[in-house]
PDB file of all heavy atoms in Angstrom:
ATOM      1  N   PRO A   1     -29.964 -33.956 -16.859  1.00  0.00           N
ATOM      2  CA  PRO A   1     -28.762 -33.125 -17.023  1.00  0.00           C
ATOM      3  C   PRO A   1     -28.934 -31.695 -16.515  1.00  0.00           C
ATOM      4  O   PRO A   1     -27.933 -31.033 -16.144  1.00  0.00           O
ATOM      5  CB  PRO A   1     -28.468 -33.136 -18.534  1.00  0.00           C
ATOM      6  CG  PRO A   1     -29.742 -33.554 -19.153  1.00  0.00           C
ATOM      7  CD  PRO A   1     -30.437 -34.437 -18.167  1.00  0.00           C
ATOM      8  N   GLN A   2     -30.164 -31.236 -16.415  1.00  0.00           N
ATOM      9  CA  GLN A   2     -30.407 -29.874 -15.900  1.00  0.00           C
ATOM     10  C   GLN A   2     -30.066 -29.789 -14.385  1.00  0.00           C
ATOM     11  O   GLN A   2     -29.916 -28.685 -13.858  1.00  0.00           O
ATOM     12  CB  GLN A   2     -31.808 -29.438 -16.128  1.00  0.00           C
ATOM     13  CG  GLN A   2     -32.103 -29.150 -17.608  1.00  0.00           C
ATOM     14  CD  GLN A   2     -33.550 -28.687 -17.774  1.00  0.00           C
ATOM     15  OE1 GLN A   2     -34.446 -29.533 -17.893  1.00  0.00           O
ATOM     16  NE2 GLN A   2     -33.743 -27.408 -17.756  1.00  0.00           N
ATOM     17  N   VAL A   3     -29.963 -30.950 -13.733  1.00  0.00           N
ATOM     18  CA  VAL A   3     -29.536 -30.979 -12.339  1.00  0.00           C
ATOM     19  C   VAL A   3     -28.200 -31.691 -12.225  1.00  0.00           C
ATOM     20  O   VAL A   3     -27.822 -32.131 -11.168  1.00  0.00           O
ATOM     21  CB  VAL A   3     -30.613 -31.569 -11.381  1.00  0.00           C
ATOM     22  CG1 VAL A   3     -31.836 -30.688 -11.328  1.00  0.00           C
ATOM     23  CG2 VAL A   3     -30.987 -33.010 -11.762  1.00  0.00           C
ATOM     24  N   GLY A   4     -27.464 -31.760 -13.352  1.00  0.00           N
ATOM     25  CA  GLY A   4     -26.088 -32.238 -13.346  1.00  0.00           C
ATOM     26  C   GLY A   4     -25.922 -33.750 -13.404  1.00  0.00           C
ATOM     27  O   GLY A   4     -24.835 -34.259 -13.168  1.00  0.00           O
ATOM     28  N   VAL A   5     -26.972 -34.476 -13.758  1.00  0.00           N
ATOM     29  CA  VAL A   5     -26.888 -35.951 -13.788  1.00  0.00           C
ATOM     30  C   VAL A   5     -27.093 -36.409 -15.241  1.00  0.00           C
ATOM     31  O   VAL A   5     -28.133 -36.155 -15.827  1.00  0.00           O
ATOM     32  CB  VAL A   5     -27.953 -36.610 -12.874  1.00  0.00           C
ATOM     33  CG1 VAL A   5     -27.870 -38.118 -12.957  1.00  0.00           C
ATOM     34  CG2 VAL A   5     -27.778 -36.116 -11.422  1.00  0.00           C
ATOM     35  N   LEU A   6     -26.131 -37.083 -15.773  1.00  0.00           N
ATOM     36  CA  LEU A   6     -26.157 -37.497 -17.209  1.00  0.00           C
ATOM     37  C   LEU A   6     -26.828 -38.843 -17.381  1.00  0.00           C
ATOM     38  O   LEU A   6     -26.233 -39.831 -17.822  1.00  0.00           O
ATOM     39  CB  LEU A   6     -24.729 -37.513 -17.779  1.00  0.00           C
ATOM     40  CG  LEU A   6     -24.112 -36.103 -17.871  1.00  0.00           C
ATOM     41  CD1 LEU A   6     -22.664 -36.181 -18.308  1.00  0.00           C
ATOM     42  CD2 LEU A   6     -24.924 -35.243 -18.837  1.00  0.00           C
ATOM     43  N   ARG A   7     -28.094 -38.882 -17.006  1.00  0.00           N
ATOM     44  CA  ARG A   7     -28.923 -40.072 -17.177  1.00  0.00           C
ATOM     45  C   ARG A   7     -30.201 -39.676 -17.948  1.00  0.00           C
ATOM     46  O   ARG A   7     -30.656 -38.567 -17.866  1.00  0.00           O
ATOM     47  CB  ARG A   7     -29.339 -40.680 -15.810  1.00  0.00           C
ATOM     48  CG  ARG A   7     -28.144 -41.058 -14.934  1.00  0.00           C
ATOM     49  CD  ARG A   7     -27.120 -41.969 -15.580  1.00  0.00           C
ATOM     50  NE  ARG A   7     -27.587 -43.273 -15.940  1.00  0.00           N
ATOM     51  CZ  ARG A   7     -27.431 -44.331 -15.146  1.00  0.00           C
ATOM     52  NH1 ARG A   7     -26.861 -44.249 -13.985  1.00  0.00           N
ATOM     53  NH2 ARG A   7     -27.897 -45.509 -15.554  1.00  0.00           N
ATOM     54  N   ARG A   8     -30.773 -40.668 -18.668  1.00  0.00           N
ATOM     55  CA  ARG A   8     -31.909 -40.380 -19.529  1.00  0.00           C
ATOM     56  C   ARG A   8     -33.227 -40.478 -18.737  1.00  0.00           C
ATOM     57  O   ARG A   8     -33.973 -41.421 -18.826  1.00  0.00           O
ATOM     58  CB  ARG A   8     -31.925 -41.359 -20.752  1.00  0.00           C
ATOM     59  CG  ARG A   8     -30.678 -41.150 -21.630  1.00  0.00           C
ATOM     60  CD  ARG A   8     -30.766 -41.902 -22.923  1.00  0.00           C
ATOM     61  NE  ARG A   8     -31.663 -41.236 -23.860  1.00  0.00           N
ATOM     62  CZ  ARG A   8     -31.360 -40.196 -24.620  1.00  0.00           C
ATOM     63  NH1 ARG A   8     -30.170 -39.651 -24.556  1.00  0.00           N
ATOM     64  NH2 ARG A   8     -32.255 -39.698 -25.468  1.00  0.00           N
ATOM     65  N   ILE A   9     -33.461 -39.400 -17.955  1.00  0.00           N
ATOM     66  CA  ILE A   9     -34.653 -39.327 -17.113  1.00  0.00           C
ATOM     67  C   ILE A   9     -35.247 -37.897 -17.298  1.00  0.00           C
ATOM     68  O   ILE A   9     -34.495 -36.904 -17.237  1.00  0.00           O
ATOM     69  CB  ILE A   9     -34.322 -39.546 -15.634  1.00  0.00           C
ATOM     70  CG1 ILE A   9     -33.698 -40.902 -15.423  1.00  0.00           C
ATOM     71  CG2 ILE A   9     -35.587 -39.355 -14.765  1.00  0.00           C
ATOM     72  CD1 ILE A   9     -33.128 -41.088 -14.050  1.00  0.00           C
ATOM     73  N   VAL A  10     -36.564 -37.801 -17.490  1.00  0.00           N
ATOM     74  CA  VAL A  10     -37.244 -36.516 -17.482  1.00  0.00           C
ATOM     75  C   VAL A  10     -38.490 -36.570 -16.614  1.00  0.00           C
ATOM     76  O   VAL A  10     -39.087 -37.648 -16.441  1.00  0.00           O
ATOM     77  CB  VAL A  10     -37.616 -36.056 -18.926  1.00  0.00           C
ATOM     78  CG1 VAL A  10     -36.395 -35.978 -19.796  1.00  0.00           C
ATOM     79  CG2 VAL A  10     -38.694 -36.908 -19.531  1.00  0.00           C
ATOM     80  N   THR A  11     -38.837 -35.432 -16.068  1.00  0.00           N
ATOM     81  CA  THR A  11     -40.112 -35.272 -15.375  1.00  0.00           C
ATOM     82  C   THR A  11     -40.851 -34.166 -16.075  1.00  0.00           C
ATOM     83  O   THR A  11     -40.282 -33.174 -16.492  1.00  0.00           O
ATOM     84  CB  THR A  11     -39.864 -34.908 -13.866  1.00  0.00           C
ATOM     85  OG1 THR A  11     -39.114 -33.734 -13.769  1.00  0.00           O
ATOM     86  CG2 THR A  11     -39.166 -36.024 -13.147  1.00  0.00           C
ATOM     87  N   ILE A  12     -42.169 -34.362 -16.225  1.00  0.00           N
ATOM     88  CA  ILE A  12     -43.029 -33.404 -16.882  1.00  0.00           C
ATOM     89  C   ILE A  12     -44.341 -33.304 -16.115  1.00  0.00           C
ATOM     90  O   ILE A  12     -44.850 -34.327 -15.648  1.00  0.00           O
ATOM     91  CB  ILE A  12     -43.307 -33.818 -18.349  1.00  0.00           C
ATOM     92  CG1 ILE A  12     -42.017 -33.850 -19.171  1.00  0.00           C
ATOM     93  CG2 ILE A  12     -44.335 -32.930 -18.987  1.00  0.00           C
ATOM     94  CD1 ILE A  12     -42.188 -34.437 -20.575  1.00  0.00           C
ATOM     95  N   ASP A  13     -44.879 -32.082 -16.037  1.00  0.00           N
ATOM     96  CA  ASP A  13     -46.223 -31.890 -15.486  1.00  0.00           C
ATOM     97  C   ASP A  13     -46.808 -30.621 -16.120  1.00  0.00           C
ATOM     98  O   ASP A  13     -46.375 -29.512 -15.792  1.00  0.00           O
ATOM     99  CB  ASP A  13     -46.207 -31.799 -13.969  1.00  0.00           C
ATOM    100  CG  ASP A  13     -47.660 -31.822 -13.409  1.00  0.00           C
ATOM    101  OD1 ASP A  13     -48.617 -31.603 -14.171  1.00  0.00           O
ATOM    102  OD2 ASP A  13     -47.809 -32.075 -12.186  1.00  0.00           O
ATOM    103  N   ILE A  14     -47.711 -30.778 -17.023  1.00  0.00           N
ATOM    104  CA  ILE A  14     -48.339 -29.669 -17.707  1.00  0.00           C
ATOM    105  C   ILE A  14     -49.614 -29.265 -16.970  1.00  0.00           C
ATOM    106  O   ILE A  14     -50.448 -28.524 -17.500  1.00  0.00           O
ATOM    107  CB  ILE A  14     -48.608 -29.934 -19.210  1.00  0.00           C
ATOM    108  CG1 ILE A  14     -49.613 -31.100 -19.388  1.00  0.00           C
ATOM    109  CG2 ILE A  14     -47.316 -30.175 -19.950  1.00  0.00           C
ATOM    110  CD1 ILE A  14     -50.207 -31.177 -20.773  1.00  0.00           C
ATOM    111  N   GLY A  15     -49.773 -29.733 -15.747  1.00  0.00           N
ATOM    112  CA  GLY A  15     -50.950 -29.395 -14.968  1.00  0.00           C
ATOM    113  C   GLY A  15     -51.928 -30.557 -14.812  1.00  0.00           C
ATOM    114  O   GLY A  15     -52.985 -30.381 -14.229  1.00  0.00           O
ATOM    115  N   GLU A  16     -51.530 -31.713 -15.320  1.00  0.00           N
ATOM    116  CA  GLU A  16     -52.419 -32.890 -15.266  1.00  0.00           C
ATOM    117  C   GLU A  16     -51.786 -34.003 -14.391  1.00  0.00           C
ATOM    118  O   GLU A  16     -52.203 -35.153 -14.472  1.00  0.00           O
ATOM    119  CB  GLU A  16     -52.652 -33.420 -16.699  1.00  0.00           C
ATOM    120  CG  GLU A  16     -53.377 -32.368 -17.540  1.00  0.00           C
ATOM    121  CD  GLU A  16     -53.431 -32.785 -19.026  1.00  0.00           C
ATOM    122  OE1 GLU A  16     -52.973 -33.855 -19.379  1.00  0.00           O
ATOM    123  OE2 GLU A  16     -54.002 -31.996 -19.791  1.00  0.00           O
ATOM    124  N   GLY A  17     -50.777 -33.675 -13.634  1.00  0.00           N
ATOM    125  CA  GLY A  17     -50.093 -34.681 -12.810  1.00  0.00           C
ATOM    126  C   GLY A  17     -48.735 -35.051 -13.394  1.00  0.00           C
ATOM    127  O   GLY A  17     -48.527 -34.873 -14.595  1.00  0.00           O
ATOM    128  N   PRO A  18     -47.834 -35.518 -12.544  1.00  0.00           N
ATOM    129  CA  PRO A  18     -46.486 -35.763 -12.991  1.00  0.00           C
ATOM    130  C   PRO A  18     -46.364 -36.955 -13.896  1.00  0.00           C
ATOM    131  O   PRO A  18     -47.031 -37.977 -13.766  1.00  0.00           O
ATOM    132  CB  PRO A  18     -45.713 -36.027 -11.697  1.00  0.00           C
ATOM    133  CG  PRO A  18     -46.747 -36.478 -10.730  1.00  0.00           C
ATOM    134  CD  PRO A  18     -48.017 -35.782 -11.135  1.00  0.00           C
ATOM    135  N   ILE A  19     -45.469 -36.805 -14.895  1.00  0.00           N
ATOM    136  CA  ILE A  19     -45.117 -37.891 -15.831  1.00  0.00           C
ATOM    137  C   ILE A  19     -43.635 -38.096 -15.656  1.00  0.00           C
ATOM    138  O   ILE A  19     -42.834 -37.138 -15.762  1.00  0.00           O
ATOM    139  CB  ILE A  19     -45.419 -37.534 -17.287  1.00  0.00           C
ATOM    140  CG1 ILE A  19     -46.925 -37.275 -17.464  1.00  0.00           C
ATOM    141  CG2 ILE A  19     -44.941 -38.652 -18.217  1.00  0.00           C
ATOM    142  CD1 ILE A  19     -47.284 -36.620 -18.804  1.00  0.00           C
ATOM    143  N   ILE A  20     -43.214 -39.333 -15.367  1.00  0.00           N
ATOM    144  CA  ILE A  20     -41.810 -39.661 -15.261  1.00  0.00           C
ATOM    145  C   ILE A  20     -41.450 -40.567 -16.451  1.00  0.00           C
ATOM    146  O   ILE A  20     -42.143 -41.561 -16.669  1.00  0.00           O
ATOM    147  CB  ILE A  20     -41.552 -40.389 -13.928  1.00  0.00           C
ATOM    148  CG1 ILE A  20     -41.763 -39.396 -12.766  1.00  0.00           C
ATOM    149  CG2 ILE A  20     -40.094 -40.903 -13.875  1.00  0.00           C
ATOM    150  CD1 ILE A  20     -42.361 -40.045 -11.554  1.00  0.00           C
ATOM    151  N   MET A  21     -40.445 -40.165 -17.169  1.00  0.00           N
ATOM    152  CA  MET A  21     -40.027 -40.914 -18.325  1.00  0.00           C
ATOM    153  C   MET A  21     -38.550 -41.276 -18.228  1.00  0.00           C
ATOM    154  O   MET A  21     -37.698 -40.418 -18.143  1.00  0.00           O
ATOM    155  CB  MET A  21     -40.284 -40.096 -19.598  1.00  0.00           C
ATOM    156  CG  MET A  21     -41.743 -39.686 -19.784  1.00  0.00           C
ATOM    157  SD  MET A  21     -42.016 -38.675 -21.261  1.00  0.00           S
ATOM    158  CE  MET A  21     -42.072 -39.935 -22.564  1.00  0.00           C
ATOM    159  N   ILE A  22     -38.301 -42.576 -18.245  1.00  0.00           N
ATOM    160  CA  ILE A  22     -36.958 -43.100 -18.229  1.00  0.00           C
ATOM    161  C   ILE A  22     -36.635 -43.641 -19.605  1.00  0.00           C
ATOM    162  O   ILE A  22     -37.431 -44.395 -20.169  1.00  0.00           O
ATOM    163  CB  ILE A  22     -36.786 -44.167 -17.146  1.00  0.00           C
ATOM    164  CG1 ILE A  22     -37.084 -43.611 -15.744  1.00  0.00           C
ATOM    165  CG2 ILE A  22     -35.393 -44.824 -17.178  1.00  0.00           C
ATOM    166  CD1 ILE A  22     -37.180 -44.626 -14.646  1.00  0.00           C
ATOM    167  N   ASN A  23     -35.485 -43.250 -20.159  1.00  0.00           N
ATOM    168  CA  ASN A  23     -35.075 -43.660 -21.502  1.00  0.00           C
ATOM    169  C   ASN A  23     -36.127 -43.333 -22.545  1.00  0.00           C
ATOM    170  O   ASN A  23     -36.478 -44.170 -23.406  1.00  0.00           O
ATOM    171  CB  ASN A  23     -34.674 -45.138 -21.554  1.00  0.00           C
ATOM    172  CG  ASN A  23     -33.587 -45.522 -20.590  1.00  0.00           C
ATOM    173  OD1 ASN A  23     -32.782 -44.677 -20.206  1.00  0.00           O
ATOM    174  ND2 ASN A  23     -33.557 -46.779 -20.174  1.00  0.00           N
ATOM    175  N   PRO A  24     -36.692 -42.132 -22.528  1.00  0.00           N
ATOM    176  CA  PRO A  24     -37.764 -41.808 -23.485  1.00  0.00           C
ATOM    177  C   PRO A  24     -37.254 -41.703 -24.904  1.00  0.00           C
ATOM    178  O   PRO A  24     -36.116 -41.334 -25.136  1.00  0.00           O
ATOM    179  CB  PRO A  24     -38.286 -40.475 -23.003  1.00  0.00           C
ATOM    180  CG  PRO A  24     -37.078 -39.828 -22.360  1.00  0.00           C
ATOM    181  CD  PRO A  24     -36.336 -40.973 -21.716  1.00  0.00           C
ATOM    182  N   ARG A  25     -38.120 -42.042 -25.836  1.00  0.00           N
ATOM    183  CA  ARG A  25     -37.830 -41.863 -27.269  1.00  0.00           C
ATOM    184  C   ARG A  25     -39.119 -41.593 -27.992  1.00  0.00           C
ATOM    185  O   ARG A  25     -40.181 -42.145 -27.635  1.00  0.00           O
ATOM    186  CB  ARG A  25     -37.081 -43.064 -27.813  1.00  0.00           C
ATOM    187  CG  ARG A  25     -37.888 -44.346 -27.866  1.00  0.00           C
ATOM    188  CD  ARG A  25     -37.018 -45.551 -28.176  1.00  0.00           C
ATOM    189  NE  ARG A  25     -37.810 -46.744 -28.357  1.00  0.00           N
ATOM    190  CZ  ARG A  25     -38.373 -47.482 -27.401  1.00  0.00           C
ATOM    191  NH1 ARG A  25     -38.243 -47.057 -26.138  1.00  0.00           N
ATOM    192  NH2 ARG A  25     -39.049 -48.531 -27.681  1.00  0.00           N
ATOM    193  N   ILE A  26     -39.014 -40.745 -28.987  1.00  0.00           N
ATOM    194  CA  ILE A  26     -40.195 -40.443 -29.814  1.00  0.00           C
ATOM    195  C   ILE A  26     -40.232 -41.474 -30.948  1.00  0.00           C
ATOM    196  O   ILE A  26     -39.233 -41.690 -31.652  1.00  0.00           O
ATOM    197  CB  ILE A  26     -40.079 -39.014 -30.373  1.00  0.00           C
ATOM    198  CG1 ILE A  26     -40.170 -38.020 -29.194  1.00  0.00           C
ATOM    199  CG2 ILE A  26     -41.187 -38.742 -31.398  1.00  0.00           C
ATOM    200  CD1 ILE A  26     -39.889 -36.598 -29.562  1.00  0.00           C
ATOM    201  N   VAL A  27     -41.387 -42.144 -31.063  1.00  0.00           N
ATOM    202  CA  VAL A  27     -41.536 -43.159 -32.102  1.00  0.00           C
ATOM    203  C   VAL A  27     -42.281 -42.636 -33.331  1.00  0.00           C
ATOM    204  O   VAL A  27     -42.161 -43.219 -34.406  1.00  0.00           O
ATOM    205  CB  VAL A  27     -42.173 -44.470 -31.571  1.00  0.00           C
ATOM    206  CG1 VAL A  27     -41.233 -45.080 -30.537  1.00  0.00           C
ATOM    207  CG2 VAL A  27     -43.527 -44.236 -30.955  1.00  0.00           C
ATOM    208  N   SER A  28     -43.056 -41.577 -33.159  1.00  0.00           N
ATOM    209  CA  SER A  28     -43.676 -40.916 -34.323  1.00  0.00           C
ATOM    210  C   SER A  28     -44.003 -39.495 -33.952  1.00  0.00           C
ATOM    211  O   SER A  28     -44.247 -39.170 -32.823  1.00  0.00           O
ATOM    212  CB  SER A  28     -44.887 -41.663 -34.788  1.00  0.00           C
ATOM    213  OG  SER A  28     -45.946 -41.580 -33.897  1.00  0.00           O
ATOM    214  N   ALA A  29     -44.029 -38.663 -34.978  1.00  0.00           N
ATOM    215  CA  ALA A  29     -44.346 -37.257 -34.812  1.00  0.00           C
ATOM    216  C   ALA A  29     -45.014 -36.755 -36.069  1.00  0.00           C
ATOM    217  O   ALA A  29     -44.644 -37.155 -37.177  1.00  0.00           O
ATOM    218  CB  ALA A  29     -43.087 -36.460 -34.490  1.00  0.00           C
ATOM    219  N   ASP A  30     -46.014 -35.867 -35.891  1.00  0.00           N
ATOM    220  CA  ASP A  30     -46.622 -35.257 -37.052  1.00  0.00           C
ATOM    221  C   ASP A  30     -47.212 -33.914 -36.684  1.00  0.00           C
ATOM    222  O   ASP A  30     -47.313 -33.586 -35.497  1.00  0.00           O
ATOM    223  CB  ASP A  30     -47.693 -36.186 -37.680  1.00  0.00           C
ATOM    224  CG  ASP A  30     -48.777 -36.506 -36.728  1.00  0.00           C
ATOM    225  OD1 ASP A  30     -49.693 -35.659 -36.563  1.00  0.00           O
ATOM    226  OD2 ASP A  30     -48.757 -37.611 -36.129  1.00  0.00           O
ATOM    227  N   GLY A  31     -47.601 -33.195 -37.688  1.00  0.00           N
ATOM    228  CA  GLY A  31     -48.144 -31.874 -37.473  1.00  0.00           C
ATOM    229  C   GLY A  31     -47.089 -30.850 -37.107  1.00  0.00           C
ATOM    230  O   GLY A  31     -45.871 -31.222 -37.031  1.00  0.00           O
ATOM    231  N   GLU A  32     -47.500 -29.642 -36.883  1.00  0.00           N
ATOM    232  CA  GLU A  32     -46.560 -28.606 -36.561  1.00  0.00           C
ATOM    233  C   GLU A  32     -47.196 -27.558 -35.667  1.00  0.00           C
ATOM    234  O   GLU A  32     -48.378 -27.240 -35.832  1.00  0.00           O
ATOM    235  CB  GLU A  32     -46.088 -27.943 -37.857  1.00  0.00           C
ATOM    236  CG  GLU A  32     -44.959 -26.914 -37.694  1.00  0.00           C
ATOM    237  CD  GLU A  32     -44.520 -26.401 -39.048  1.00  0.00           C
ATOM    238  OE1 GLU A  32     -43.716 -27.090 -39.716  1.00  0.00           O
ATOM    239  OE2 GLU A  32     -44.969 -25.281 -39.406  1.00  0.00           O
ATOM    240  N   GLN A  33     -46.452 -27.104 -34.691  1.00  0.00           N
ATOM    241  CA  GLN A  33     -46.907 -25.993 -33.844  1.00  0.00           C
ATOM    242  C   GLN A  33     -45.722 -25.052 -33.659  1.00  0.00           C
ATOM    243  O   GLN A  33     -44.554 -25.510 -33.537  1.00  0.00           O
ATOM    244  CB  GLN A  33     -47.426 -26.476 -32.490  1.00  0.00           C
ATOM    245  CG  GLN A  33     -46.400 -27.225 -31.669  1.00  0.00           C
ATOM    246  CD  GLN A  33     -46.833 -27.526 -30.242  1.00  0.00           C
ATOM    247  OE1 GLN A  33     -47.256 -26.631 -29.534  1.00  0.00           O
ATOM    248  NE2 GLN A  33     -46.764 -28.793 -29.835  1.00  0.00           N
ATOM    249  N   VAL A  34     -46.012 -23.773 -33.694  1.00  0.00           N
ATOM    250  CA  VAL A  34     -44.991 -22.750 -33.452  1.00  0.00           C
ATOM    251  C   VAL A  34     -45.408 -22.009 -32.225  1.00  0.00           C
ATOM    252  O   VAL A  34     -46.591 -21.586 -32.137  1.00  0.00           O
ATOM    253  CB  VAL A  34     -44.849 -21.770 -34.666  1.00  0.00           C
ATOM    254  CG1 VAL A  34     -43.825 -20.718 -34.360  1.00  0.00           C
ATOM    255  CG2 VAL A  34     -44.506 -22.546 -35.921  1.00  0.00           C
ATOM    256  N   GLY A  35     -44.509 -21.874 -31.256  1.00  0.00           N
ATOM    257  CA  GLY A  35     -44.913 -21.180 -30.054  1.00  0.00           C
ATOM    258  C   GLY A  35     -43.704 -20.768 -29.228  1.00  0.00           C
ATOM    259  O   GLY A  35     -42.601 -21.212 -29.457  1.00  0.00           O
ATOM    260  N   GLY A  36     -43.995 -19.921 -28.266  1.00  0.00           N
ATOM    261  CA  GLY A  36     -42.951 -19.475 -27.337  1.00  0.00           C
ATOM    262  C   GLY A  36     -42.515 -20.639 -26.472  1.00  0.00           C
ATOM    263  O   GLY A  36     -43.344 -21.437 -25.948  1.00  0.00           O
ATOM    264  N   GLU A  37     -41.188 -20.753 -26.293  1.00  0.00           N
ATOM    265  CA  GLU A  37     -40.664 -21.831 -25.486  1.00  0.00           C
ATOM    266  C   GLU A  37     -39.605 -21.228 -24.573  1.00  0.00           C
ATOM    267  O   GLU A  37     -38.866 -20.313 -24.955  1.00  0.00           O
ATOM    268  CB  GLU A  37     -40.033 -22.884 -26.416  1.00  0.00           C
ATOM    269  CG  GLU A  37     -39.809 -24.191 -25.766  1.00  0.00           C
ATOM    270  CD  GLU A  37     -39.636 -25.322 -26.790  1.00  0.00           C
ATOM    271  OE1 GLU A  37     -40.453 -25.476 -27.712  1.00  0.00           O
ATOM    272  OE2 GLU A  37     -38.641 -26.098 -26.627  1.00  0.00           O
ATOM    273  N   ALA A  38     -39.579 -21.730 -23.344  1.00  0.00           N
ATOM    274  CA  ALA A  38     -38.640 -21.239 -22.344  1.00  0.00           C
ATOM    275  C   ALA A  38     -38.008 -22.452 -21.639  1.00  0.00           C
ATOM    276  O   ALA A  38     -38.393 -23.594 -21.932  1.00  0.00           O
ATOM    277  CB  ALA A  38     -39.342 -20.343 -21.328  1.00  0.00           C
ATOM    278  N   CYS A  39     -37.089 -22.204 -20.757  1.00  0.00           N
ATOM    279  CA  CYS A  39     -36.375 -23.323 -20.112  1.00  0.00           C
ATOM    280  C   CYS A  39     -35.878 -22.873 -18.753  1.00  0.00           C
ATOM    281  O   CYS A  39     -35.400 -21.742 -18.568  1.00  0.00           O
ATOM    282  CB  CYS A  39     -35.183 -23.701 -21.007  1.00  0.00           C
ATOM    283  SG  CYS A  39     -34.209 -25.092 -20.399  1.00  0.00           S
ATOM    284  N   LEU A  40     -35.952 -23.788 -17.800  1.00  0.00           N
ATOM    285  CA  LEU A  40     -35.456 -23.514 -16.458  1.00  0.00           C
ATOM    286  C   LEU A  40     -33.940 -23.253 -16.444  1.00  0.00           C
ATOM    287  O   LEU A  40     -33.418 -22.613 -15.525  1.00  0.00           O
ATOM    288  CB  LEU A  40     -35.837 -24.659 -15.498  1.00  0.00           C
ATOM    289  CG  LEU A  40     -37.336 -24.843 -15.241  1.00  0.00           C
ATOM    290  CD1 LEU A  40     -37.561 -26.076 -14.373  1.00  0.00           C
ATOM    291  CD2 LEU A  40     -37.927 -23.613 -14.639  1.00  0.00           C
ATOM    292  N   SER A  41     -33.264 -23.750 -17.469  1.00  0.00           N
ATOM    293  CA  SER A  41     -31.812 -23.521 -17.553  1.00  0.00           C
ATOM    294  C   SER A  41     -31.436 -22.210 -18.220  1.00  0.00           C
ATOM    295  O   SER A  41     -30.263 -21.883 -18.367  1.00  0.00           O
ATOM    296  CB  SER A  41     -31.151 -24.675 -18.312  1.00  0.00           C
ATOM    297  OG  SER A  41     -31.210 -25.876 -17.530  1.00  0.00           O
ATOM    298  N   TYR A  42     -32.440 -21.436 -18.634  1.00  0.00           N
ATOM    299  CA  TYR A  42     -32.222 -20.128 -19.201  1.00  0.00           C
ATOM    300  C   TYR A  42     -33.354 -19.188 -18.733  1.00  0.00           C
ATOM    301  O   TYR A  42     -34.191 -18.805 -19.516  1.00  0.00           O
ATOM    302  CB  TYR A  42     -32.178 -20.225 -20.733  1.00  0.00           C
ATOM    303  CG  TYR A  42     -31.576 -19.044 -21.451  1.00  0.00           C
ATOM    304  CD1 TYR A  42     -30.650 -18.202 -20.864  1.00  0.00           C
ATOM    305  CD2 TYR A  42     -31.972 -18.799 -22.764  1.00  0.00           C
ATOM    306  CE1 TYR A  42     -30.110 -17.136 -21.558  1.00  0.00           C
ATOM    307  CE2 TYR A  42     -31.443 -17.735 -23.493  1.00  0.00           C
ATOM    308  CZ  TYR A  42     -30.493 -16.905 -22.858  1.00  0.00           C
ATOM    309  OH  TYR A  42     -29.964 -15.848 -23.561  1.00  0.00           O
ATOM    310  N   PRO A  43     -33.352 -18.936 -17.430  1.00  0.00           N
ATOM    311  CA  PRO A  43     -34.491 -18.220 -16.819  1.00  0.00           C
ATOM    312  C   PRO A  43     -34.674 -16.829 -17.388  1.00  0.00           C
ATOM    313  O   PRO A  43     -33.690 -16.145 -17.710  1.00  0.00           O
ATOM    314  CB  PRO A  43     -34.164 -18.204 -15.324  1.00  0.00           C
ATOM    315  CG  PRO A  43     -32.707 -18.475 -15.250  1.00  0.00           C
ATOM    316  CD  PRO A  43     -32.350 -19.275 -16.445  1.00  0.00           C
ATOM    317  N   GLY A  44     -35.934 -16.436 -17.501  1.00  0.00           N
ATOM    318  CA  GLY A  44     -36.247 -15.066 -17.931  1.00  0.00           C
ATOM    319  C   GLY A  44     -36.188 -14.854 -19.415  1.00  0.00           C
ATOM    320  O   GLY A  44     -36.363 -13.731 -19.883  1.00  0.00           O
TER     321      GLY A  44
END
């Protein structure tokens, strides 16, 4: 959606190579982290 397409696709690369996820869903989550977060759709 950040490029105007309403499909369930994401691309991620935290420096370890690209990850492509189609129809992703989180099946479990635990722990907590608090940190600075930014977004290409809200630059700066």
